[in-house]
Amino acid sequence: MVYLDTNILIYASIYQDATNYTKTMLQEAFVICLEDDKCTSINDILHLKIATQEATKLITYDKYFKSLQKYTPIEIVVL
């Protein structure tokens, strides 16, 4: 099941320049979320895309992110 937060899509289309992700990142996140059976929110994938662009490590409490390791070269650490 995929939960698509339409607010993020509206926000991204209206305030594209004010966000720290691109339309391409949003499209890639959407594709990953559709492919991933465990994806419940596109926001997690967008956070991963932003972290991949901005950082070398993502630290989280959310164990779901560990399953996303295959989509990013950065290190994912679950506390």
C-alpha atoms as a PDB file:
ATOM      1  CA  MET A   1       0.000   0.000   0.000  1.00  0.00           C
ATOM      2  CA  VAL A   2       1.216   3.494  -0.811  1.00  0.00           C
ATOM      3  CA  TYR A   3       0.127   6.619   1.041  1.00  0.00           C
ATOM      4  CA  LEU A   4       0.640   9.660  -1.157  1.00  0.00           C
ATOM      5  CA  ASP A   5       0.682  12.942   0.723  1.00  0.00           C
ATOM      6  CA  THR A   6      -0.926  15.255  -1.834  1.00  0.00           C
ATOM      7  CA  ASN A   7       0.020  18.315   0.219  1.00  0.00           C
ATOM      8  CA  ILE A   8       3.682  17.694  -0.546  1.00  0.00           C
ATOM      9  CA  LEU A   9       2.909  17.512  -4.270  1.00  0.00           C
ATOM     10  CA  ILE A  10       0.949  20.763  -4.177  1.00  0.00           C
ATOM     11  CA  TYR A  11       3.645  22.461  -2.104  1.00  0.00           C
ATOM     12  CA  ALA A  12       6.370  21.251  -4.441  1.00  0.00           C
ATOM     13  CA  SER A  13       4.604  22.484  -7.545  1.00  0.00           C
ATOM     14  CA  ILE A  14       3.766  25.917  -6.104  1.00  0.00           C
ATOM     15  CA  TYR A  15       6.865  26.613  -4.020  1.00  0.00           C
ATOM     16  CA  GLN A  16       9.496  24.757  -6.047  1.00  0.00           C
ATOM     17  CA  ASP A  17      12.142  27.447  -5.548  1.00  0.00           C
ATOM     18  CA  ALA A  18      11.522  27.650  -1.798  1.00  0.00           C
ATOM     19  CA  THR A  19      12.194  23.975  -1.127  1.00  0.00           C
ATOM     20  CA  ASN A  20      15.448  22.087  -0.827  1.00  0.00           C
ATOM     21  CA  TYR A  21      14.413  19.362  -3.249  1.00  0.00           C
ATOM     22  CA  THR A  22      13.812  19.438  -6.969  1.00  0.00           C
ATOM     23  CA  LYS A  23      10.982  18.246  -9.156  1.00  0.00           C
ATOM     24  CA  THR A  24      13.280  15.421 -10.308  1.00  0.00           C
ATOM     25  CA  MET A  25      13.861  14.341  -6.707  1.00  0.00           C
ATOM     26  CA  LEU A  26      10.098  14.311  -6.144  1.00  0.00           C
ATOM     27  CA  GLN A  27       9.567  12.177  -9.246  1.00  0.00           C
ATOM     28  CA  GLU A  28      12.331   9.751  -8.214  1.00  0.00           C
ATOM     29  CA  ALA A  29      10.869   9.514  -4.709  1.00  0.00           C
ATOM     30  CA  PHE A  30       7.450   8.747  -6.147  1.00  0.00           C
ATOM     31  CA  VAL A  31       8.871   5.907  -8.280  1.00  0.00           C
ATOM     32  CA  ILE A  32      10.782   4.426  -5.328  1.00  0.00           C
ATOM     33  CA  CYS A  33       7.690   4.607  -3.125  1.00  0.00           C
ATOM     34  CA  LEU A  34       5.636   2.773  -5.726  1.00  0.00           C
ATOM     35  CA  GLU A  35       8.301   0.055  -6.046  1.00  0.00           C
ATOM     36  CA  ASP A  36       8.746  -0.422  -2.301  1.00  0.00           C
ATOM     37  CA  ASP A  37       6.046  -2.600  -0.707  1.00  0.00           C
ATOM     38  CA  LYS A  38       6.806  -1.138   2.726  1.00  0.00           C
ATOM     39  CA  CYS A  39       6.520   2.518   1.662  1.00  0.00           C
ATOM     40  CA  THR A  40       3.728   4.234   3.564  1.00  0.00           C
ATOM     41  CA  SER A  41       4.712   7.864   2.956  1.00  0.00           C
ATOM     42  CA  ILE A  42       6.566   9.576   0.146  1.00  0.00           C
ATOM     43  CA  ASN A  43       7.955  11.971   2.782  1.00  0.00           C
ATOM     44  CA  ASP A  44      10.411   9.324   4.007  1.00  0.00           C
ATOM     45  CA  ILE A  45      11.777   8.909   0.495  1.00  0.00           C
ATOM     46  CA  LEU A  46      12.014  12.681   0.033  1.00  0.00           C
ATOM     47  CA  HIS A  47      13.958  12.920   3.296  1.00  0.00           C
ATOM     48  CA  LEU A  48      16.309  10.264   1.956  1.00  0.00           C
ATOM     49  CA  LYS A  49      16.736  12.165  -1.332  1.00  0.00           C
ATOM     50  CA  ILE A  50      17.490  15.405   0.512  1.00  0.00           C
ATOM     51  CA  ALA A  51      19.958  13.663   2.817  1.00  0.00           C
ATOM     52  CA  THR A  52      21.663  12.055  -0.174  1.00  0.00           C
ATOM     53  CA  GLN A  53      22.091  15.473  -1.762  1.00  0.00           C
ATOM     54  CA  GLU A  54      23.180  17.298   1.384  1.00  0.00           C
ATOM     55  CA  ALA A  55      24.944  14.802   3.670  1.00  0.00           C
ATOM     56  CA  THR A  56      27.171  11.756   3.941  1.00  0.00           C
ATOM     57  CA  LYS A  57      25.179  10.116   6.741  1.00  0.00           C
ATOM     58  CA  LEU A  58      21.516   9.922   7.732  1.00  0.00           C
ATOM     59  CA  ILE A  59      20.789   9.263  11.415  1.00  0.00           C
ATOM     60  CA  THR A  60      17.259   8.266  12.380  1.00  0.00           C
ATOM     61  CA  TYR A  61      15.130   6.332  14.856  1.00  0.00           C
ATOM     62  CA  ASP A  62      13.007   4.939  12.017  1.00  0.00           C
ATOM     63  CA  LYS A  63      14.049   1.349  11.225  1.00  0.00           C
ATOM     64  CA  TYR A  64      12.326   1.583   7.841  1.00  0.00           C
ATOM     65  CA  PHE A  65      15.192   3.730   6.521  1.00  0.00           C
ATOM     66  CA  LYS A  66      17.593   0.791   6.751  1.00  0.00           C
ATOM     67  CA  SER A  67      15.596  -0.931   3.997  1.00  0.00           C
ATOM     68  CA  LEU A  68      16.182   2.141   1.822  1.00  0.00           C
ATOM     69  CA  GLN A  69      19.971   1.745   1.903  1.00  0.00           C
ATOM     70  CA  LYS A  70      19.939   0.312  -1.635  1.00  0.00           C
ATOM     71  CA  TYR A  71      18.666   3.668  -2.955  1.00  0.00           C
ATOM     72  CA  THR A  72      21.485   5.815  -1.594  1.00  0.00           C
ATOM     73  CA  PRO A  73      25.277   5.823  -1.297  1.00  0.00           C
ATOM     74  CA  ILE A  74      25.209   7.585   2.095  1.00  0.00           C
ATOM     75  CA  GLU A  75      25.409   5.719   5.382  1.00  0.00           C
ATOM     76  CA  ILE A  76      22.109   5.173   7.196  1.00  0.00           C
ATOM     77  CA  VAL A  77      22.365   4.788  10.967  1.00  0.00           C
ATOM     78  CA  VAL A  78      19.332   3.687  12.983  1.00  0.00           C
ATOM     79  CA  LEU A  79      19.541   4.567  16.678  1.00  0.00           C
END
